[in-house]
C-alpha cells in the first residue's frame, strides 16, 4: 500500500512538472542591424533575434544598447 501511495505522488509530481512552461532567457547588447523585412535584430556580437509582429521599429536604432528577453519554448 505504501508503494502505491509513493508511486501515485511521484506520477502526480511528474505530470505537474511537465506542464510548467520553459523559462525565458535574457541578453544585453548593442544593436548592429535591424532588418524590417525579415523582422530580425542583430547584435554587435553576431547573435540575431526574431522580432514580434507588433514590434515598434521607431523605438530602436543601430548603436543602441538594449536588453532582450526571449522565450526558448519554441526552439
PDB file of N, CA and C in Angstrom:
ATOM      1  N   UNK A   1       0.821  -1.198   0.000  1.00  0.00           N
ATOM      2  CA  UNK A   1       0.000   0.000   0.000  1.00  0.00           C
ATOM      3  C   UNK A   1       0.865   1.262   0.000  1.00  0.00           C
ATOM      4  N   UNK A   2       1.940   1.257   0.777  1.00  0.00           N
ATOM      5  CA  UNK A   2       2.822   2.426   0.845  1.00  0.00           C
ATOM      6  C   UNK A   2       3.475   2.687  -0.504  1.00  0.00           C
ATOM      7  N   UNK A   3       3.856   1.641  -1.201  1.00  0.00           N
ATOM      8  CA  UNK A   3       4.481   1.805  -2.519  1.00  0.00           C
ATOM      9  C   UNK A   3       3.491   2.393  -3.522  1.00  0.00           C
ATOM     10  N   UNK A   4       2.243   2.033  -3.418  1.00  0.00           N
ATOM     11  CA  UNK A   4       1.236   2.586  -4.325  1.00  0.00           C
ATOM     12  C   UNK A   4       1.042   4.082  -4.079  1.00  0.00           C
ATOM     13  N   UNK A   5       1.064   4.477  -2.824  1.00  0.00           N
ATOM     14  CA  UNK A   5       0.916   5.893  -2.491  1.00  0.00           C
ATOM     15  C   UNK A   5       2.120   6.683  -2.996  1.00  0.00           C
ATOM     16  N   UNK A   6       3.311   6.149  -2.798  1.00  0.00           N
ATOM     17  CA  UNK A   6       4.524   6.815  -3.276  1.00  0.00           C
ATOM     18  C   UNK A   6       4.505   6.915  -4.802  1.00  0.00           C
ATOM     19  N   UNK A   7       4.099   5.845  -5.475  1.00  0.00           N
ATOM     20  CA  UNK A   7       4.025   5.854  -6.935  1.00  0.00           C
ATOM     21  C   UNK A   7       3.003   6.877  -7.424  1.00  0.00           C
ATOM     22  N   UNK A   8       1.882   6.982  -6.718  1.00  0.00           N
ATOM     23  CA  UNK A   8       0.857   7.957  -7.088  1.00  0.00           C
ATOM     24  C   UNK A   8       1.400   9.384  -6.979  1.00  0.00           C
ATOM     25  N   UNK A   9       2.055   9.709  -5.861  1.00  0.00           N
ATOM     26  CA  UNK A   9       2.601  11.048  -5.685  1.00  0.00           C
ATOM     27  C   UNK A   9       3.725  11.340  -6.681  1.00  0.00           C
ATOM     28  N   UNK A  10       4.531  10.347  -6.971  1.00  0.00           N
ATOM     29  CA  UNK A  10       5.609  10.545  -7.945  1.00  0.00           C
ATOM     30  C   UNK A  10       5.044  10.826  -9.330  1.00  0.00           C
ATOM     31  N   UNK A  11       4.038  10.065  -9.745  1.00  0.00           N
ATOM     32  CA  UNK A  11       3.448  10.304 -11.065  1.00  0.00           C
ATOM     33  C   UNK A  11       2.710  11.636 -11.105  1.00  0.00           C
ATOM     34  N   UNK A  12       2.079  12.020 -10.013  1.00  0.00           N
ATOM     35  CA  UNK A  12       1.412  13.328  -9.954  1.00  0.00           C
ATOM     36  C   UNK A  12       2.423  14.448 -10.083  1.00  0.00           C
ATOM     37  N   UNK A  13       3.552  14.325  -9.393  1.00  0.00           N
ATOM     38  CA  UNK A  13       4.605  15.332  -9.465  1.00  0.00           C
ATOM     39  C   UNK A  13       5.132  15.462 -10.888  1.00  0.00           C
ATOM     40  N   UNK A  14       5.361  14.343 -11.557  1.00  0.00           N
ATOM     41  CA  UNK A  14       5.877  14.379 -12.924  1.00  0.00           C
ATOM     42  C   UNK A  14       4.883  15.026 -13.883  1.00  0.00           C
ATOM     43  N   UNK A  15       3.613  14.746 -13.707  1.00  0.00           N
ATOM     44  CA  UNK A  15       2.594  15.351 -14.573  1.00  0.00           C
ATOM     45  C   UNK A  15       2.564  16.867 -14.404  1.00  0.00           C
ATOM     46  N   UNK A  16       2.658  17.327 -13.191  1.00  0.00           N
ATOM     47  CA  UNK A  16       2.660  18.765 -12.939  1.00  0.00           C
ATOM     48  C   UNK A  16       3.951  19.390 -13.462  1.00  0.00           C
ATOM     49  N   UNK A  17       5.070  18.743 -13.261  1.00  0.00           N
ATOM     50  CA  UNK A  17       6.360  19.278 -13.703  1.00  0.00           C
ATOM     51  C   UNK A  17       6.417  19.420 -15.224  1.00  0.00           C
ATOM     52  N   UNK A  18       5.762  18.536 -15.947  1.00  0.00           N
ATOM     53  CA  UNK A  18       5.785  18.601 -17.410  1.00  0.00           C
ATOM     54  C   UNK A  18       4.931  19.738 -17.957  1.00  0.00           C
ATOM     55  N   UNK A  19       4.022  20.263 -17.168  1.00  0.00           N
ATOM     56  CA  UNK A  19       3.166  21.346 -17.642  1.00  0.00           C
ATOM     57  C   UNK A  19       3.732  22.726 -17.338  1.00  0.00           C
ATOM     58  N   UNK A  20       4.812  22.814 -16.596  1.00  0.00           N
ATOM     59  CA  UNK A  20       5.422  24.109 -16.272  1.00  0.00           C
ATOM     60  C   UNK A  20       6.130  24.625 -17.515  1.00  0.00           C
ATOM     61  N   UNK A  21       5.839  25.864 -17.935  1.00  0.00           N
ATOM     62  CA  UNK A  21       6.452  26.389 -19.153  1.00  0.00           C
ATOM     63  C   UNK A  21       7.962  26.599 -18.999  1.00  0.00           C
ATOM     64  N   UNK A  22       8.633  26.632 -20.133  1.00  0.00           N
ATOM     65  CA  UNK A  22      10.083  26.847 -20.134  1.00  0.00           C
ATOM     66  C   UNK A  22      10.414  28.253 -19.653  1.00  0.00           C
ATOM     67  N   UNK A  23      11.556  28.393 -19.070  1.00  0.00           N
ATOM     68  CA  UNK A  23      11.993  29.704 -18.590  1.00  0.00           C
ATOM     69  C   UNK A  23      12.485  30.546 -19.758  1.00  0.00           C
ATOM     70  N   UNK A  24      12.419  31.823 -19.572  1.00  0.00           N
ATOM     71  CA  UNK A  24      12.909  32.761 -20.577  1.00  0.00           C
ATOM     72  C   UNK A  24      14.392  33.034 -20.358  1.00  0.00           C
ATOM     73  N   UNK A  25      15.029  33.483 -21.392  1.00  0.00           N
ATOM     74  CA  UNK A  25      16.439  33.871 -21.334  1.00  0.00           C
ATOM     75  C   UNK A  25      16.529  35.380 -21.523  1.00  0.00           C
ATOM     76  N   UNK A  26      17.625  35.968 -21.090  1.00  0.00           N
ATOM     77  CA  UNK A  26      17.851  37.398 -21.234  1.00  0.00           C
ATOM     78  C   UNK A  26      19.227  37.643 -21.825  1.00  0.00           C
ATOM     79  N   UNK A  27      19.319  38.712 -22.616  1.00  0.00           N
ATOM     80  CA  UNK A  27      20.598  39.062 -23.239  1.00  0.00           C
ATOM     81  C   UNK A  27      20.651  40.572 -23.427  1.00  0.00           C
ATOM     82  N   UNK A  28      21.784  41.161 -23.141  1.00  0.00           N
ATOM     83  CA  UNK A  28      22.006  42.591 -23.373  1.00  0.00           C
ATOM     84  C   UNK A  28      23.081  42.753 -24.432  1.00  0.00           C
ATOM     85  N   UNK A  29      22.970  43.805 -25.206  1.00  0.00           N
ATOM     86  CA  UNK A  29      23.977  44.048 -26.221  1.00  0.00           C
ATOM     87  C   UNK A  29      23.696  45.306 -27.000  1.00  0.00           C
ATOM     88  N   UNK A  30      24.592  45.596 -27.924  1.00  0.00           N
ATOM     89  CA  UNK A  30      24.477  46.771 -28.787  1.00  0.00           C
ATOM     90  C   UNK A  30      23.924  46.314 -30.132  1.00  0.00           C
ATOM     91  N   UNK A  31      22.931  47.037 -30.633  1.00  0.00           N
ATOM     92  CA  UNK A  31      22.307  46.686 -31.909  1.00  0.00           C
ATOM     93  C   UNK A  31      23.268  47.014 -33.050  1.00  0.00           C
ATOM     94  N   UNK A  32      23.533  46.017 -33.891  1.00  0.00           N
ATOM     95  CA  UNK A  32      24.362  46.225 -35.071  1.00  0.00           C
ATOM     96  C   UNK A  32      23.491  46.503 -36.294  1.00  0.00           C
ATOM     97  N   UNK A  33      22.354  45.788 -36.390  1.00  0.00           N
ATOM     98  CA  UNK A  33      21.486  45.958 -37.555  1.00  0.00           C
ATOM     99  C   UNK A  33      20.063  45.547 -37.215  1.00  0.00           C
ATOM    100  N   UNK A  34      19.124  46.161 -37.918  1.00  0.00           N
ATOM    101  CA  UNK A  34      17.709  45.807 -37.791  1.00  0.00           C
ATOM    102  C   UNK A  34      17.176  45.595 -39.201  1.00  0.00           C
ATOM    103  N   UNK A  35      16.692  44.389 -39.469  1.00  0.00           N
ATOM    104  CA  UNK A  35      16.143  44.063 -40.790  1.00  0.00           C
ATOM    105  C   UNK A  35      14.625  44.018 -40.670  1.00  0.00           C
ATOM    106  N   UNK A  36      13.946  45.049 -41.177  1.00  0.00           N
ATOM    107  CA  UNK A  36      12.481  45.121 -41.080  1.00  0.00           C
ATOM    108  C   UNK A  36      11.807  44.070 -41.945  1.00  0.00           C
ATOM    109  N   UNK A  37      12.394  43.732 -43.071  1.00  0.00           N
ATOM    110  CA  UNK A  37      11.777  42.762 -43.992  1.00  0.00           C
ATOM    111  C   UNK A  37      11.680  41.371 -43.376  1.00  0.00           C
ATOM    112  N   UNK A  38      12.720  40.957 -42.665  1.00  0.00           N
ATOM    113  CA  UNK A  38      12.706  39.630 -42.050  1.00  0.00           C
ATOM    114  C   UNK A  38      12.464  39.693 -40.542  1.00  0.00           C
ATOM    115  N   UNK A  39      12.173  40.895 -40.009  1.00  0.00           N
ATOM    116  CA  UNK A  39      11.899  41.108 -38.576  1.00  0.00           C
ATOM    117  C   UNK A  39      13.027  40.534 -37.724  1.00  0.00           C
ATOM    118  N   UNK A  40      14.248  40.943 -38.021  1.00  0.00           N
ATOM    119  CA  UNK A  40      15.425  40.396 -37.368  1.00  0.00           C
ATOM    120  C   UNK A  40      16.253  41.505 -36.737  1.00  0.00           C
ATOM    121  N   UNK A  41      16.645  41.295 -35.481  1.00  0.00           N
ATOM    122  CA  UNK A  41      17.509  42.218 -34.750  1.00  0.00           C
ATOM    123  C   UNK A  41      18.849  41.531 -34.551  1.00  0.00           C
ATOM    124  N   UNK A  42      19.940  42.174 -34.959  1.00  0.00           N
ATOM    125  CA  UNK A  42      21.270  41.576 -34.850  1.00  0.00           C
ATOM    126  C   UNK A  42      22.122  42.408 -33.911  1.00  0.00           C
ATOM    127  N   UNK A  43      22.737  41.728 -32.935  1.00  0.00           N
ATOM    128  CA  UNK A  43      23.641  42.387 -32.001  1.00  0.00           C
ATOM    129  C   UNK A  43      25.039  42.487 -32.613  1.00  0.00           C
ATOM    130  N   UNK A  44      25.867  43.333 -32.004  1.00  0.00           N
ATOM    131  CA  UNK A  44      27.242  43.528 -32.474  1.00  0.00           C
ATOM    132  C   UNK A  44      28.068  42.248 -32.377  1.00  0.00           C
ATOM    133  N   UNK A  45      27.711  41.345 -31.458  1.00  0.00           N
ATOM    134  CA  UNK A  45      28.461  40.085 -31.337  1.00  0.00           C
ATOM    135  C   UNK A  45      28.029  39.036 -32.357  1.00  0.00           C
ATOM    136  N   UNK A  46      27.049  39.382 -33.213  1.00  0.00           N
ATOM    137  CA  UNK A  46      26.618  38.474 -34.276  1.00  0.00           C
ATOM    138  C   UNK A  46      25.368  37.678 -33.981  1.00  0.00           C
ATOM    139  N   UNK A  47      24.882  37.686 -32.754  1.00  0.00           N
ATOM    140  CA  UNK A  47      23.655  36.954 -32.447  1.00  0.00           C
ATOM    141  C   UNK A  47      22.450  37.709 -32.993  1.00  0.00           C
ATOM    142  N   UNK A  48      21.469  36.947 -33.476  1.00  0.00           N
ATOM    143  CA  UNK A  48      20.272  37.539 -34.075  1.00  0.00           C
ATOM    144  C   UNK A  48      19.030  37.025 -33.362  1.00  0.00           C
ATOM    145  N   UNK A  49      18.006  37.866 -33.327  1.00  0.00           N
ATOM    146  CA  UNK A  49      16.746  37.531 -32.672  1.00  0.00           C
ATOM    147  C   UNK A  49      15.585  37.939 -33.564  1.00  0.00           C
ATOM    148  N   UNK A  50      14.580  37.082 -33.649  1.00  0.00           N
ATOM    149  CA  UNK A  50      13.378  37.373 -34.426  1.00  0.00           C
ATOM    150  C   UNK A  50      12.486  38.281 -33.592  1.00  0.00           C
ATOM    151  N   UNK A  51      12.008  39.351 -34.193  1.00  0.00           N
ATOM    152  CA  UNK A  51      11.163  40.319 -33.502  1.00  0.00           C
ATOM    153  C   UNK A  51       9.691  39.955 -33.668  1.00  0.00           C
ATOM    154  N   UNK A  52       8.856  40.306 -32.692  1.00  0.00           N
ATOM    155  CA  UNK A  52       7.426  40.011 -32.809  1.00  0.00           C
ATOM    156  C   UNK A  52       6.776  40.875 -33.888  1.00  0.00           C
ATOM    157  N   UNK A  53       5.621  40.460 -34.364  1.00  0.00           N
ATOM    158  CA  UNK A  53       4.922  41.156 -35.439  1.00  0.00           C
ATOM    159  C   UNK A  53       4.530  42.578 -35.107  1.00  0.00           C
ATOM    160  N   UNK A  54       4.222  42.868 -33.851  1.00  0.00           N
ATOM    161  CA  UNK A  54       3.774  44.205 -33.456  1.00  0.00           C
ATOM    162  C   UNK A  54       4.921  45.067 -32.934  1.00  0.00           C
ATOM    163  N   UNK A  55       6.149  44.779 -33.332  1.00  0.00           N
ATOM    164  CA  UNK A  55       7.324  45.496 -32.842  1.00  0.00           C
ATOM    165  C   UNK A  55       7.371  46.926 -33.387  1.00  0.00           C
ATOM    166  N   UNK A  56       7.739  47.893 -32.547  1.00  0.00           N
ATOM    167  CA  UNK A  56       7.856  49.302 -32.927  1.00  0.00           C
ATOM    168  C   UNK A  56       9.301  49.577 -33.353  1.00  0.00           C
ATOM    169  N   UNK A  57       9.547  49.596 -34.644  1.00  0.00           N
ATOM    170  CA  UNK A  57      10.898  49.785 -35.171  1.00  0.00           C
ATOM    171  C   UNK A  57      11.429  51.201 -34.926  1.00  0.00           C
ATOM    172  N   UNK A  58      10.552  52.161 -34.716  1.00  0.00           N
ATOM    173  CA  UNK A  58      10.989  53.538 -34.475  1.00  0.00           C
ATOM    174  C   UNK A  58      11.595  53.710 -33.080  1.00  0.00           C
ATOM    175  N   UNK A  59      11.380  52.747 -32.194  1.00  0.00           N
ATOM    176  CA  UNK A  59      11.879  52.854 -30.813  1.00  0.00           C
ATOM    177  C   UNK A  59      13.344  52.451 -30.677  1.00  0.00           C
ATOM    178  N   UNK A  60      13.896  51.784 -31.692  1.00  0.00           N
ATOM    179  CA  UNK A  60      15.286  51.316 -31.610  1.00  0.00           C
ATOM    180  C   UNK A  60      16.057  51.724 -32.867  1.00  0.00           C
ATOM    181  N   UNK A  61      17.378  51.757 -32.729  1.00  0.00           N
ATOM    182  CA  UNK A  61      18.244  52.102 -33.859  1.00  0.00           C
ATOM    183  C   UNK A  61      19.601  51.435 -33.652  1.00  0.00           C
ATOM    184  N   UNK A  62      20.329  51.171 -34.735  1.00  0.00           N
ATOM    185  CA  UNK A  62      21.677  50.622 -34.596  1.00  0.00           C
ATOM    186  C   UNK A  62      22.535  51.512 -33.706  1.00  0.00           C
ATOM    187  N   UNK A  63      23.343  50.874 -32.869  1.00  0.00           N
ATOM    188  CA  UNK A  63      24.201  51.587 -31.937  1.00  0.00           C
ATOM    189  C   UNK A  63      23.616  51.692 -30.539  1.00  0.00           C
ATOM    190  N   UNK A  64      22.328  51.424 -30.389  1.00  0.00           N
ATOM    191  CA  UNK A  64      21.688  51.489 -29.070  1.00  0.00           C
ATOM    192  C   UNK A  64      21.999  50.220 -28.272  1.00  0.00           C
ATOM    193  N   UNK A  65      22.159  50.364 -26.967  1.00  0.00           N
ATOM    194  CA  UNK A  65      22.295  49.209 -26.098  1.00  0.00           C
ATOM    195  C   UNK A  65      20.898  48.817 -25.631  1.00  0.00           C
ATOM    196  N   UNK A  66      20.553  47.543 -25.808  1.00  0.00           N
ATOM    197  CA  UNK A  66      19.217  47.062 -25.464  1.00  0.00           C
ATOM    198  C   UNK A  66      19.310  45.801 -24.617  1.00  0.00           C
ATOM    199  N   UNK A  67      18.204  45.472 -24.001  1.00  0.00           N
ATOM    200  CA  UNK A  67      18.065  44.271 -23.189  1.00  0.00           C
ATOM    201  C   UNK A  67      16.922  43.464 -23.796  1.00  0.00           C
ATOM    202  N   UNK A  68      17.199  42.232 -24.213  1.00  0.00           N
ATOM    203  CA  UNK A  68      16.226  41.380 -24.888  1.00  0.00           C
ATOM    204  C   UNK A  68      15.843  40.226 -23.962  1.00  0.00           C
ATOM    205  N   UNK A  69      14.551  39.979 -23.838  1.00  0.00           N
ATOM    206  CA  UNK A  69      14.045  38.824 -23.105  1.00  0.00           C
ATOM    207  C   UNK A  69      13.318  37.942 -24.117  1.00  0.00           C
ATOM    208  N   UNK A  70      13.736  36.681 -24.217  1.00  0.00           N
ATOM    209  CA  UNK A  70      13.151  35.812 -25.249  1.00  0.00           C
ATOM    210  C   UNK A  70      12.801  34.456 -24.657  1.00  0.00           C
ATOM    211  N   UNK A  71      11.854  33.788 -25.316  1.00  0.00           N
ATOM    212  CA  UNK A  71      11.321  32.511 -24.875  1.00  0.00           C
ATOM    213  C   UNK A  71      11.980  31.386 -25.665  1.00  0.00           C
ATOM    214  N   UNK A  72      12.443  30.364 -24.973  1.00  0.00           N
ATOM    215  CA  UNK A  72      13.090  29.234 -25.623  1.00  0.00           C
ATOM    216  C   UNK A  72      12.144  28.069 -25.899  1.00  0.00           C
ATOM    217  N   UNK A  73      10.882  28.187 -25.547  1.00  0.00           N
ATOM    218  CA  UNK A  73       9.967  27.054 -25.667  1.00  0.00           C
ATOM    219  C   UNK A  73       9.733  26.657 -27.128  1.00  0.00           C
ATOM    220  N   UNK A  74       9.857  27.583 -28.058  1.00  0.00           N
ATOM    221  CA  UNK A  74       9.652  27.263 -29.468  1.00  0.00           C
ATOM    222  C   UNK A  74      10.894  26.766 -30.162  1.00  0.00           C
ATOM    223  N   UNK A  75      12.010  26.699 -29.470  1.00  0.00           N
ATOM    224  CA  UNK A  75      13.294  26.306 -30.063  1.00  0.00           C
ATOM    225  C   UNK A  75      13.435  24.815 -30.072  1.00  0.00           C
TER     226      UNK A  75
END
